[in-house]
C-alpha atoms as a PDB file:
ATOM      1  CA  MET A   1     -45.821  19.119 -43.602  1.00  0.00           C
ATOM      2  CA  HIS A   2     -45.924  19.329 -39.783  1.00  0.00           C
ATOM      3  CA  GLU A   3     -42.299  20.543 -39.740  1.00  0.00           C
ATOM      4  CA  ARG A   4     -43.160  23.316 -42.198  1.00  0.00           C
ATOM      5  CA  LYS A   5     -46.075  24.532 -40.058  1.00  0.00           C
ATOM      6  CA  THR A   6     -43.793  24.683 -37.014  1.00  0.00           C
ATOM      7  CA  VAL A   7     -41.242  26.736 -38.961  1.00  0.00           C
ATOM      8  CA  LEU A   8     -43.948  29.158 -40.106  1.00  0.00           C
ATOM      9  CA  GLU A   9     -45.297  29.551 -36.570  1.00  0.00           C
ATOM     10  CA  GLY A  10     -41.788  30.410 -35.365  1.00  0.00           C
ATOM     11  CA  LEU A  11     -41.534  33.283 -37.828  1.00  0.00           C
ATOM     12  CA  VAL A  12     -44.396  35.305 -36.316  1.00  0.00           C
ATOM     13  CA  ASP A  13     -43.748  37.831 -33.551  1.00  0.00           C
ATOM     14  CA  ASP A  14     -45.631  37.812 -30.232  1.00  0.00           C
ATOM     15  CA  GLY A  15     -48.319  40.171 -31.550  1.00  0.00           C
ATOM     16  CA  GLY A  16     -49.284  37.760 -34.335  1.00  0.00           C
ATOM     17  CA  ILE A  17     -47.829  40.015 -37.035  1.00  0.00           C
ATOM     18  CA  SER A  18     -45.460  38.327 -39.434  1.00  0.00           C
ATOM     19  CA  VAL A  19     -41.886  39.510 -39.221  1.00  0.00           C
ATOM     20  CA  GLY A  20     -40.403  40.523 -42.564  1.00  0.00           C
ATOM     21  CA  HIS A  21     -42.009  40.478 -45.955  1.00  0.00           C
ATOM     22  CA  ASN A  22     -44.916  38.840 -47.773  1.00  0.00           C
ATOM     23  CA  ASN A  23     -44.762  38.375 -51.530  1.00  0.00           C
ATOM     24  CA  GLU A  24     -45.251  35.726 -54.212  1.00  0.00           C
ATOM     25  CA  VAL A  25     -44.050  35.103 -57.765  1.00  0.00           C
ATOM     26  CA  ARG A  26     -44.954  32.480 -60.375  1.00  0.00           C
ATOM     27  CA  LEU A  27     -43.017  31.507 -63.483  1.00  0.00           C
ATOM     28  CA  GLU A  28     -43.980  29.097 -66.231  1.00  0.00           C
ATOM     29  CA  MET A  29     -41.402  28.136 -68.838  1.00  0.00           C
ATOM     30  CA  LEU A  30     -40.636  25.547 -71.461  1.00  0.00           C
ATOM     31  CA  ALA A  31     -38.535  22.689 -70.118  1.00  0.00           C
ATOM     32  CA  LEU A  32     -35.411  23.742 -71.986  1.00  0.00           C
ATOM     33  CA  PRO A  33     -31.840  23.691 -70.633  1.00  0.00           C
ATOM     34  CA  GLU A  34     -31.405  27.385 -71.460  1.00  0.00           C
ATOM     35  CA  ASN A  35     -34.289  28.252 -69.096  1.00  0.00           C
ATOM     36  CA  VAL A  36     -32.604  26.730 -66.031  1.00  0.00           C
ATOM     37  CA  GLY A  37     -30.477  29.878 -65.629  1.00  0.00           C
ATOM     38  CA  LEU A  38     -33.554  32.095 -65.943  1.00  0.00           C
ATOM     39  CA  ALA A  39     -35.284  30.207 -63.131  1.00  0.00           C
ATOM     40  CA  ARG A  40     -32.120  30.304 -61.021  1.00  0.00           C
ATOM     41  CA  VAL A  41     -31.569  34.072 -61.196  1.00  0.00           C
ATOM     42  CA  SER A  42     -35.275  34.925 -61.009  1.00  0.00           C
ATOM     43  CA  ILE A  43     -35.800  33.068 -57.741  1.00  0.00           C
ATOM     44  CA  ALA A  44     -32.482  34.345 -56.333  1.00  0.00           C
ATOM     45  CA  ALA A  45     -33.506  37.940 -57.091  1.00  0.00           C
ATOM     46  CA  PHE A  46     -36.900  37.292 -55.494  1.00  0.00           C
ATOM     47  CA  ALA A  47     -35.298  35.758 -52.361  1.00  0.00           C
ATOM     48  CA  SER A  48     -32.995  38.778 -52.078  1.00  0.00           C
ATOM     49  CA  GLN A  49     -35.980  40.878 -51.001  1.00  0.00           C
ATOM     50  CA  ILE A  50     -35.259  39.657 -47.475  1.00  0.00           C
ATOM     51  CA  ASP A  51     -31.884  39.533 -45.751  1.00  0.00           C
ATOM     52  CA  PHE A  52     -30.427  36.239 -46.941  1.00  0.00           C
ATOM     53  CA  SER A  53     -26.633  36.306 -46.946  1.00  0.00           C
ATOM     54  CA  MET A  54     -24.785  36.070 -50.261  1.00  0.00           C
ATOM     55  CA  GLY A  55     -23.891  32.468 -49.396  1.00  0.00           C
ATOM     56  CA  GLU A  56     -27.527  31.605 -48.709  1.00  0.00           C
ATOM     57  CA  VAL A  57     -28.611  33.171 -52.022  1.00  0.00           C
ATOM     58  CA  GLU A  58     -26.012  30.999 -53.779  1.00  0.00           C
ATOM     59  CA  GLU A  59     -27.418  27.929 -52.023  1.00  0.00           C
ATOM     60  CA  ILE A  60     -30.931  28.874 -53.151  1.00  0.00           C
ATOM     61  CA  LYS A  61     -29.653  29.256 -56.723  1.00  0.00           C
ATOM     62  CA  VAL A  62     -28.143  25.762 -56.672  1.00  0.00           C
ATOM     63  CA  ALA A  63     -31.273  24.172 -55.186  1.00  0.00           C
ATOM     64  CA  VAL A  64     -33.546  25.841 -57.764  1.00  0.00           C
ATOM     65  CA  SER A  65     -31.169  24.925 -60.603  1.00  0.00           C
ATOM     66  CA  GLU A  66     -31.177  21.286 -59.536  1.00  0.00           C
ATOM     67  CA  ALA A  67     -34.973  21.113 -59.234  1.00  0.00           C
ATOM     68  CA  VAL A  68     -35.554  22.741 -62.633  1.00  0.00           C
ATOM     69  CA  SER A  69     -32.782  20.682 -64.256  1.00  0.00           C
ATOM     70  CA  ASN A  70     -34.446  17.510 -62.991  1.00  0.00           C
ATOM     71  CA  ALA A  71     -37.680  18.549 -64.709  1.00  0.00           C
ATOM     72  CA  VAL A  72     -35.867  19.415 -67.935  1.00  0.00           C
ATOM     73  CA  ILE A  73     -33.691  16.283 -68.076  1.00  0.00           C
ATOM     74  CA  HIS A  74     -35.834  13.580 -66.499  1.00  0.00           C
ATOM     75  CA  ALA A  75     -39.493  14.618 -66.763  1.00  0.00           C
ATOM     76  CA  TYR A  76     -39.751  15.571 -70.405  1.00  0.00           C
ATOM     77  CA  PRO A  77     -37.749  13.615 -72.959  1.00  0.00           C
ATOM     78  CA  GLN A  78     -39.915  15.283 -75.654  1.00  0.00           C
ATOM     79  CA  GLY A  79     -40.381  18.707 -74.001  1.00  0.00           C
ATOM     80  CA  GLY A  80     -43.043  20.246 -71.785  1.00  0.00           C
ATOM     81  CA  TRP A  81     -43.619  23.025 -69.246  1.00  0.00           C
ATOM     82  CA  VAL A  82     -42.138  23.684 -65.811  1.00  0.00           C
ATOM     83  CA  LYS A  83     -44.054  25.773 -63.261  1.00  0.00           C
ATOM     84  CA  ILE A  84     -42.099  27.519 -60.543  1.00  0.00           C
ATOM     85  CA  SER A  85     -43.591  29.468 -57.689  1.00  0.00           C
ATOM     86  CA  ALA A  86     -41.912  31.188 -54.773  1.00  0.00           C
ATOM     87  CA  ARG A  87     -43.420  32.767 -51.706  1.00  0.00           C
ATOM     88  CA  LEU A  88     -41.968  34.954 -48.979  1.00  0.00           C
ATOM     89  CA  THR A  89     -43.913  34.733 -45.740  1.00  0.00           C
ATOM     90  CA  GLY A  90     -42.220  36.717 -43.037  1.00  0.00           C
ATOM     91  CA  ARG A  91     -38.671  35.384 -43.026  1.00  0.00           C
ATOM     92  CA  LEU A  92     -39.464  32.132 -44.833  1.00  0.00           C
ATOM     93  CA  LEU A  93     -38.846  31.451 -48.522  1.00  0.00           C
ATOM     94  CA  GLU A  94     -40.853  28.609 -50.062  1.00  0.00           C
ATOM     95  CA  VAL A  95     -40.124  27.394 -53.597  1.00  0.00           C
ATOM     96  CA  GLU A  96     -42.164  24.915 -55.601  1.00  0.00           C
ATOM     97  CA  VAL A  97     -41.056  23.373 -58.911  1.00  0.00           C
ATOM     98  CA  LYS A  98     -43.737  21.373 -60.686  1.00  0.00           C
ATOM     99  CA  ASP A  99     -43.859  19.383 -63.912  1.00  0.00           C
ATOM    100  CA  THR A 100     -46.462  17.157 -65.512  1.00  0.00           C
ATOM    101  CA  GLY A 101     -43.885  14.840 -67.035  1.00  0.00           C
ATOM    102  CA  LYS A 102     -43.174  11.166 -66.556  1.00  0.00           C
ATOM    103  CA  GLY A 103     -42.878  11.232 -62.747  1.00  0.00           C
ATOM    104  CA  ILE A 104     -40.546   9.274 -60.479  1.00  0.00           C
ATOM    105  CA  GLU A 105     -41.096   5.545 -59.957  1.00  0.00           C
ATOM    106  CA  ASP A 106     -39.323   5.366 -56.574  1.00  0.00           C
ATOM    107  CA  VAL A 107     -38.781   8.715 -54.801  1.00  0.00           C
ATOM    108  CA  SER A 108     -36.781   7.121 -51.955  1.00  0.00           C
ATOM    109  CA  GLN A 109     -34.341   5.604 -54.432  1.00  0.00           C
ATOM    110  CA  ALA A 110     -34.140   8.852 -56.423  1.00  0.00           C
ATOM    111  CA  ARG A 111     -33.086  10.686 -53.237  1.00  0.00           C
ATOM    112  CA  GLU A 112     -30.112   8.365 -52.699  1.00  0.00           C
ATOM    113  CA  PRO A 113     -26.699   9.904 -53.484  1.00  0.00           C
ATOM    114  CA  SER A 114     -25.340   8.873 -56.882  1.00  0.00           C
ATOM    115  CA  PHE A 115     -28.620   7.361 -58.127  1.00  0.00           C
ATOM    116  CA  SER A 116     -29.609   8.481 -61.630  1.00  0.00           C
ATOM    117  CA  THR A 117     -31.773   7.052 -64.377  1.00  0.00           C
ATOM    118  CA  GLU A 118     -29.599   8.847 -66.942  1.00  0.00           C
ATOM    119  CA  PRO A 119     -26.169   7.420 -67.821  1.00  0.00           C
ATOM    120  CA  GLY A 120     -23.347   9.867 -67.176  1.00  0.00           C
ATOM    121  CA  ARG A 121     -25.291  11.885 -64.563  1.00  0.00           C
ATOM    122  CA  MET A 122     -23.927  12.246 -61.033  1.00  0.00           C
ATOM    123  CA  GLY A 123     -27.269  11.716 -59.263  1.00  0.00           C
ATOM    124  CA  LEU A 124     -26.697  14.455 -56.691  1.00  0.00           C
ATOM    125  CA  GLY A 125     -29.576  16.834 -57.481  1.00  0.00           C
ATOM    126  CA  PHE A 126     -31.804  15.901 -54.546  1.00  0.00           C
ATOM    127  CA  VAL A 127     -28.752  15.711 -52.261  1.00  0.00           C
ATOM    128  CA  PHE A 128     -27.848  19.318 -53.117  1.00  0.00           C
ATOM    129  CA  MET A 129     -31.452  20.486 -52.683  1.00  0.00           C
ATOM    130  CA  GLU A 130     -31.681  18.859 -49.250  1.00  0.00           C
ATOM    131  CA  SER A 131     -28.255  20.176 -48.207  1.00  0.00           C
ATOM    132  CA  PHE A 132     -28.867  23.783 -49.199  1.00  0.00           C
ATOM    133  CA  MET A 133     -32.460  24.244 -48.068  1.00  0.00           C
ATOM    134  CA  ASP A 134     -33.984  23.834 -44.586  1.00  0.00           C
ATOM    135  CA  GLY A 135     -36.567  21.357 -45.815  1.00  0.00           C
ATOM    136  CA  MET A 136     -37.835  19.574 -48.896  1.00  0.00           C
ATOM    137  CA  ASP A 137     -40.863  17.518 -49.865  1.00  0.00           C
ATOM    138  CA  ILE A 138     -41.242  15.531 -53.092  1.00  0.00           C
ATOM    139  CA  GLN A 139     -44.577  14.337 -54.455  1.00  0.00           C
ATOM    140  CA  SER A 140     -44.530  12.297 -57.641  1.00  0.00           C
ATOM    141  CA  ILE A 141     -46.977  10.150 -59.559  1.00  0.00           C
ATOM    142  CA  PRO A 142     -45.551   8.054 -62.404  1.00  0.00           C
ATOM    143  CA  GLY A 143     -47.025   9.245 -65.688  1.00  0.00           C
ATOM    144  CA  ARG A 144     -48.412  12.440 -64.132  1.00  0.00           C
ATOM    145  CA  GLY A 145     -45.457  14.465 -62.873  1.00  0.00           C
ATOM    146  CA  THR A 146     -43.461  15.640 -59.904  1.00  0.00           C
ATOM    147  CA  THR A 147     -43.694  18.530 -57.457  1.00  0.00           C
ATOM    148  CA  VAL A 148     -40.666  19.521 -55.386  1.00  0.00           C
ATOM    149  CA  ARG A 149     -41.305  21.900 -52.479  1.00  0.00           C
ATOM    150  CA  MET A 150     -38.346  23.451 -50.669  1.00  0.00           C
ATOM    151  CA  TRP A 151     -38.115  26.059 -47.948  1.00  0.00           C
ATOM    152  CA  LYS A 152     -35.434  28.102 -46.246  1.00  0.00           C
ATOM    153  CA  GLU A 153     -35.633  30.450 -43.279  1.00  0.00           C
ATOM    154  CA  CYS A 154     -33.800  33.766 -43.337  1.00  0.00           C
ATOM    155  CA  ARG A 155     -32.231  33.893 -39.899  1.00  0.00           C
ATOM    156  CA  PRO A 156     -31.339  37.248 -38.370  1.00  0.00           C
ATOM    157  CA  VAL A 157     -27.664  38.143 -38.488  1.00  0.00           C
ATOM    158  CA  GLU A 158     -26.045  38.343 -35.049  1.00  0.00           C
ATOM    159  CA  GLY A 159     -25.995  41.901 -33.815  1.00  0.00           C
ATOM    160  CA  SER A 160     -28.944  43.020 -35.950  1.00  0.00           C
ATOM    161  CA  ASN A 161     -32.196  44.348 -34.524  1.00  0.00           C
ATOM    162  CA  ASP A 162     -34.357  41.594 -36.086  1.00  0.00           C
END
C-alpha cells in the first residue's frame, strides 16, 4: 500500500490540486463468462476519459478480463456475483475486482507462472495483470473471497503540455 500512496502523491501538482480527472464507477454482475467482455469494455471506456494510449487501454482490458475471468472460473463453481469498481484520481486509474467465492488457499503460489487449479488452464492470469498494470495487490480469505486491486498511471506523452 505504501507504493500506491507514493504514486498518488506524485500525481498532484505543486499547488496541491490533482492533475487530470476525478471520477468513479461501480459495476456488479453475475459471475458468468458472457459478462467478462462487458467488464472489459466498460472499464476500458471509463479509463479512456484520461489520455491513456491505445496500447495502454488494451493492456487495461486484458488485466480486467483476467481478474474477472478468475472470479468467474475459480471463485464460483455454482455461480455468484462479481463487484468491479474503478476510480480515476488525477492521472491514476485504480481498478478493484471483488468476489465472495471460495478464495485462494495460497496467493503466492497462485501468482506463479503456469500455476492453475483448473486442468487445461494456462495459469497466466496474475502474470498478465502484473505485467500490464503498474501495481497489483491481492487479498484472499479461503471460503470468503478474493479482492484484486490494480492501478496504472497515465503518463504524459512526450511533447504534450501535461
